[in-house]
Amino acid sequence: MNPERDDRAAVQDTLVRMAWYVDRRNWKGLADEVFADMIRVDYTAMWDGEAEVLPGREQAGRWEKELAHLDATQHVITGVLVSLDGDAATATANVQAHLVRRDAAGGPLWSNGGTYTTHLRRGDHGWRITALIVEPLWDSGNAGVLTGDAE
C-alpha cells in the first residue's frame, strides 16, 4: 500500500470522472462526486470575462443548460500530472473536447484542445475539485455549435 500513489490515482480519477459525467449528462454525479461545495471556474483565456466562484451544484447546472442542445460531447483527458500537498492537490492535464450538434448552421462539429489546471481538496468524501482553469491551445470546426442556432 502506497498512500501517495493512491492519492495520485484518486485525483486523476476525479478529473476523468468530471469528463465522464459531463459526456453522459450525469449532472447530479458531477455536483455530488466531483465538485466541491464551492468552485472557482476560470474560462477567461477562452471566453474573456472574469473567473467566478460559485456553488458546485450551480456550475453543474450551468453546464447542463449550456450543453442541453448538443447531440453529443466527448472530453478526453490525458497526461494528468498531480502535485500533492497534504489534503490539497493541483492537477494539470491535456484535454480535447468534441462537441456535436447535427443541425448547427455552419457544420455539426467543433473540436478544441488545451489544458486544464485543477485544484482539489480532500474531504470526508474524497477528492473534490475546488478550481478549474481552462487554457485553450487550438480549435477546429464550427464553434457555433454552442450557440444553439440551427440551420
C-alpha atoms as a PDB file:
ATOM      1  CA  MET A   1       0.000   0.000   0.000  1.00  0.00           C
ATOM      2  CA  ASN A   2       1.358   3.393  -1.073  1.00  0.00           C
ATOM      3  CA  PRO A   3      -0.744   6.353   0.193  1.00  0.00           C
ATOM      4  CA  GLU A   4       0.842   8.876  -2.180  1.00  0.00           C
ATOM      5  CA  ARG A   5       0.228   6.662  -5.205  1.00  0.00           C
ATOM      6  CA  ASP A   6      -3.349   6.072  -4.002  1.00  0.00           C
ATOM      7  CA  ASP A   7      -3.933   9.838  -3.672  1.00  0.00           C
ATOM      8  CA  ARG A   8      -2.489  10.497  -7.133  1.00  0.00           C
ATOM      9  CA  ALA A   9      -4.783   7.863  -8.630  1.00  0.00           C
ATOM     10  CA  ALA A  10      -7.802   9.274  -6.774  1.00  0.00           C
ATOM     11  CA  VAL A  11      -7.060  12.805  -8.039  1.00  0.00           C
ATOM     12  CA  GLN A  12      -6.671  11.511 -11.608  1.00  0.00           C
ATOM     13  CA  ASP A  13      -9.948   9.596 -11.264  1.00  0.00           C
ATOM     14  CA  THR A  14     -11.696  12.788 -10.154  1.00  0.00           C
ATOM     15  CA  LEU A  15     -10.632  14.579 -13.355  1.00  0.00           C
ATOM     16  CA  VAL A  16     -11.643  11.645 -15.542  1.00  0.00           C
ATOM     17  CA  ARG A  17     -14.950  11.385 -13.666  1.00  0.00           C
ATOM     18  CA  MET A  18     -15.629  15.067 -14.431  1.00  0.00           C
ATOM     19  CA  ALA A  19     -15.321  14.419 -18.183  1.00  0.00           C
ATOM     20  CA  TRP A  20     -17.206  11.117 -17.963  1.00  0.00           C
ATOM     21  CA  TYR A  21     -20.147  12.689 -16.124  1.00  0.00           C
ATOM     22  CA  VAL A  22     -20.344  15.694 -18.476  1.00  0.00           C
ATOM     23  CA  ASP A  23     -20.376  13.445 -21.545  1.00  0.00           C
ATOM     24  CA  ARG A  24     -23.037  11.193 -20.049  1.00  0.00           C
ATOM     25  CA  ARG A  25     -25.101  14.116 -18.742  1.00  0.00           C
ATOM     26  CA  ASN A  26     -24.801  12.929 -15.142  1.00  0.00           C
ATOM     27  CA  TRP A  27     -25.186  16.387 -13.579  1.00  0.00           C
ATOM     28  CA  LYS A  28     -26.052  15.020 -10.139  1.00  0.00           C
ATOM     29  CA  GLY A  29     -22.883  12.894 -10.103  1.00  0.00           C
ATOM     30  CA  LEU A  30     -20.853  15.901 -11.204  1.00  0.00           C
ATOM     31  CA  ALA A  31     -22.251  18.031  -8.377  1.00  0.00           C
ATOM     32  CA  ASP A  32     -22.150  15.306  -5.705  1.00  0.00           C
ATOM     33  CA  GLU A  33     -18.953  13.398  -6.540  1.00  0.00           C
ATOM     34  CA  VAL A  34     -16.648  15.765  -8.434  1.00  0.00           C
ATOM     35  CA  PHE A  35     -17.165  19.401  -7.459  1.00  0.00           C
ATOM     36  CA  ALA A  36     -16.562  20.869  -4.022  1.00  0.00           C
ATOM     37  CA  ASP A  37     -19.347  22.855  -2.376  1.00  0.00           C
ATOM     38  CA  MET A  38     -17.773  25.981  -3.893  1.00  0.00           C
ATOM     39  CA  ILE A  39     -15.713  26.034  -7.092  1.00  0.00           C
ATOM     40  CA  ARG A  40     -13.703  28.708  -8.892  1.00  0.00           C
ATOM     41  CA  VAL A  41     -14.187  28.438 -12.657  1.00  0.00           C
ATOM     42  CA  ASP A  42     -11.876  30.354 -14.981  1.00  0.00           C
ATOM     43  CA  TYR A  43     -12.588  30.356 -18.718  1.00  0.00           C
ATOM     44  CA  THR A  44     -11.088  33.836 -19.230  1.00  0.00           C
ATOM     45  CA  ALA A  45      -8.385  32.601 -21.624  1.00  0.00           C
ATOM     46  CA  MET A  46     -11.130  31.061 -23.764  1.00  0.00           C
ATOM     47  CA  TRP A  47     -14.118  33.409 -23.469  1.00  0.00           C
ATOM     48  CA  ASP A  48     -12.773  36.578 -21.791  1.00  0.00           C
ATOM     49  CA  GLY A  49     -14.961  37.772 -18.910  1.00  0.00           C
ATOM     50  CA  GLU A  50     -13.995  37.057 -15.324  1.00  0.00           C
ATOM     51  CA  ALA A  51     -13.362  33.962 -13.255  1.00  0.00           C
ATOM     52  CA  GLU A  52     -16.246  33.106 -10.945  1.00  0.00           C
ATOM     53  CA  VAL A  53     -16.625  31.422  -7.587  1.00  0.00           C
ATOM     54  CA  LEU A  54     -19.954  29.650  -7.289  1.00  0.00           C
ATOM     55  CA  PRO A  55     -21.556  26.581  -5.728  1.00  0.00           C
ATOM     56  CA  GLY A  56     -20.545  23.316  -7.396  1.00  0.00           C
ATOM     57  CA  ARG A  57     -24.225  22.468  -7.931  1.00  0.00           C
ATOM     58  CA  GLU A  58     -24.702  25.748  -9.786  1.00  0.00           C
ATOM     59  CA  GLN A  59     -21.724  25.032 -12.064  1.00  0.00           C
ATOM     60  CA  ALA A  60     -23.097  21.583 -12.864  1.00  0.00           C
ATOM     61  CA  GLY A  61     -26.454  23.227 -13.660  1.00  0.00           C
ATOM     62  CA  ARG A  62     -24.788  25.763 -15.950  1.00  0.00           C
ATOM     63  CA  TRP A  63     -23.083  23.050 -17.947  1.00  0.00           C
ATOM     64  CA  GLU A  64     -26.355  21.138 -18.127  1.00  0.00           C
ATOM     65  CA  LYS A  65     -28.069  24.204 -19.622  1.00  0.00           C
ATOM     66  CA  GLU A  66     -25.168  25.133 -21.937  1.00  0.00           C
ATOM     67  CA  LEU A  67     -24.839  21.625 -23.377  1.00  0.00           C
ATOM     68  CA  ALA A  68     -28.545  20.662 -23.487  1.00  0.00           C
ATOM     69  CA  HIS A  69     -28.953  21.381 -27.212  1.00  0.00           C
ATOM     70  CA  LEU A  70     -25.943  19.269 -28.233  1.00  0.00           C
ATOM     71  CA  ASP A  71     -26.340  15.768 -29.607  1.00  0.00           C
ATOM     72  CA  ALA A  72     -23.091  14.572 -28.040  1.00  0.00           C
ATOM     73  CA  THR A  73     -19.877  15.638 -26.360  1.00  0.00           C
ATOM     74  CA  GLN A  74     -16.648  13.821 -25.712  1.00  0.00           C
ATOM     75  CA  HIS A  75     -13.958  15.177 -23.404  1.00  0.00           C
ATOM     76  CA  VAL A  76     -10.665  13.281 -23.462  1.00  0.00           C
ATOM     77  CA  ILE A  77      -8.302  13.978 -20.569  1.00  0.00           C
ATOM     78  CA  THR A  78      -4.718  12.725 -20.787  1.00  0.00           C
ATOM     79  CA  GLY A  79      -1.287  13.356 -19.354  1.00  0.00           C
ATOM     80  CA  VAL A  80      -2.517  14.156 -15.856  1.00  0.00           C
ATOM     81  CA  LEU A  81       0.267  15.436 -13.605  1.00  0.00           C
ATOM     82  CA  VAL A  82      -0.535  15.590  -9.892  1.00  0.00           C
ATOM     83  CA  SER A  83       1.170  17.616  -7.187  1.00  0.00           C
ATOM     84  CA  LEU A  84       0.149  16.724  -3.621  1.00  0.00           C
ATOM     85  CA  ASP A  85       0.375  18.890  -0.516  1.00  0.00           C
ATOM     86  CA  GLY A  86      -1.403  17.152   2.362  1.00  0.00           C
ATOM     87  CA  ASP A  87      -5.146  17.450   1.767  1.00  0.00           C
ATOM     88  CA  ALA A  88      -4.642  19.756  -1.234  1.00  0.00           C
ATOM     89  CA  ALA A  89      -3.653  18.866  -4.774  1.00  0.00           C
ATOM     90  CA  THR A  90      -3.065  20.530  -8.099  1.00  0.00           C
ATOM     91  CA  ALA A  91      -3.521  18.540 -11.274  1.00  0.00           C
ATOM     92  CA  THR A  92      -2.727  19.667 -14.801  1.00  0.00           C
ATOM     93  CA  ALA A  93      -3.888  17.742 -17.824  1.00  0.00           C
ATOM     94  CA  ASN A  94      -4.248  17.855 -21.565  1.00  0.00           C
ATOM     95  CA  VAL A  95      -7.846  17.931 -22.757  1.00  0.00           C
ATOM     96  CA  GLN A  96      -9.603  17.561 -26.083  1.00  0.00           C
ATOM     97  CA  ALA A  97     -13.296  18.360 -26.368  1.00  0.00           C
ATOM     98  CA  HIS A  98     -15.512  17.372 -29.280  1.00  0.00           C
ATOM     99  CA  LEU A  99     -18.996  18.879 -29.397  1.00  0.00           C
ATOM    100  CA  VAL A 100     -21.651  17.724 -31.873  1.00  0.00           C
ATOM    101  CA  ARG A 101     -24.889  19.358 -32.946  1.00  0.00           C
ATOM    102  CA  ARG A 102     -26.131  17.797 -36.145  1.00  0.00           C
ATOM    103  CA  ASP A 103     -28.416  20.712 -37.133  1.00  0.00           C
ATOM    104  CA  ALA A 104     -25.951  23.537 -36.381  1.00  0.00           C
ATOM    105  CA  ALA A 105     -25.637  26.187 -39.074  1.00  0.00           C
ATOM    106  CA  GLY A 106     -22.060  26.050 -40.363  1.00  0.00           C
ATOM    107  CA  GLY A 107     -21.426  22.397 -39.569  1.00  0.00           C
ATOM    108  CA  PRO A 108     -22.083  19.840 -36.864  1.00  0.00           C
ATOM    109  CA  LEU A 109     -18.697  19.595 -35.100  1.00  0.00           C
ATOM    110  CA  TRP A 110     -16.465  21.798 -33.009  1.00  0.00           C
ATOM    111  CA  SER A 111     -13.268  20.330 -31.576  1.00  0.00           C
ATOM    112  CA  ASN A 112     -10.802  22.070 -29.316  1.00  0.00           C
ATOM    113  CA  GLY A 113      -7.823  21.233 -27.205  1.00  0.00           C
ATOM    114  CA  GLY A 114      -5.891  22.742 -24.376  1.00  0.00           C
ATOM    115  CA  THR A 115      -5.071  22.227 -20.749  1.00  0.00           C
ATOM    116  CA  TYR A 116      -6.980  22.069 -17.505  1.00  0.00           C
ATOM    117  CA  THR A 117      -5.397  23.165 -14.272  1.00  0.00           C
ATOM    118  CA  THR A 118      -7.462  21.974 -11.341  1.00  0.00           C
ATOM    119  CA  HIS A 119      -7.125  22.495  -7.628  1.00  0.00           C
ATOM    120  CA  LEU A 120      -8.602  19.838  -5.381  1.00  0.00           C
ATOM    121  CA  ARG A 121      -9.190  19.312  -1.688  1.00  0.00           C
ATOM    122  CA  ARG A 122      -9.566  16.004   0.121  1.00  0.00           C
ATOM    123  CA  GLY A 123     -12.532  15.818   2.467  1.00  0.00           C
ATOM    124  CA  ASP A 124     -14.739  13.245   4.126  1.00  0.00           C
ATOM    125  CA  HIS A 125     -15.996  12.048   0.727  1.00  0.00           C
ATOM    126  CA  GLY A 126     -12.708  12.004  -1.156  1.00  0.00           C
ATOM    127  CA  TRP A 127     -11.092  14.468  -3.533  1.00  0.00           C
ATOM    128  CA  ARG A 128     -13.247  17.305  -4.903  1.00  0.00           C
ATOM    129  CA  ILE A 129     -12.394  19.992  -7.445  1.00  0.00           C
ATOM    130  CA  THR A 130     -12.258  23.481  -5.939  1.00  0.00           C
ATOM    131  CA  ALA A 131     -10.959  25.296  -9.037  1.00  0.00           C
ATOM    132  CA  LEU A 132     -10.897  24.691 -12.798  1.00  0.00           C
ATOM    133  CA  ILE A 133      -8.785  26.850 -15.098  1.00  0.00           C
ATOM    134  CA  VAL A 134      -9.095  26.261 -18.847  1.00  0.00           C
ATOM    135  CA  GLU A 135      -6.270  27.233 -21.226  1.00  0.00           C
ATOM    136  CA  PRO A 136      -7.135  26.720 -24.911  1.00  0.00           C
ATOM    137  CA  LEU A 137      -4.417  25.795 -27.408  1.00  0.00           C
ATOM    138  CA  TRP A 138      -6.310  25.088 -30.630  1.00  0.00           C
ATOM    139  CA  ASP A 139      -9.744  24.658 -32.137  1.00  0.00           C
ATOM    140  CA  SER A 140     -11.212  23.378 -35.374  1.00  0.00           C
ATOM    141  CA  GLY A 141     -14.640  23.334 -36.934  1.00  0.00           C
ATOM    142  CA  ASN A 142     -17.749  25.286 -36.026  1.00  0.00           C
ATOM    143  CA  ALA A 143     -17.694  26.951 -32.598  1.00  0.00           C
ATOM    144  CA  GLY A 144     -21.306  27.934 -33.363  1.00  0.00           C
ATOM    145  CA  VAL A 145     -22.489  24.502 -32.234  1.00  0.00           C
ATOM    146  CA  LEU A 146     -22.528  26.046 -28.734  1.00  0.00           C
ATOM    147  CA  THR A 147     -24.923  28.869 -29.645  1.00  0.00           C
ATOM    148  CA  GLY A 148     -27.856  26.571 -30.333  1.00  0.00           C
ATOM    149  CA  ASP A 149     -28.534  28.131 -33.744  1.00  0.00           C
ATOM    150  CA  ALA A 150     -29.957  25.522 -36.094  1.00  0.00           C
ATOM    151  CA  GLU A 151     -29.893  25.584 -39.900  1.00  0.00           C
END
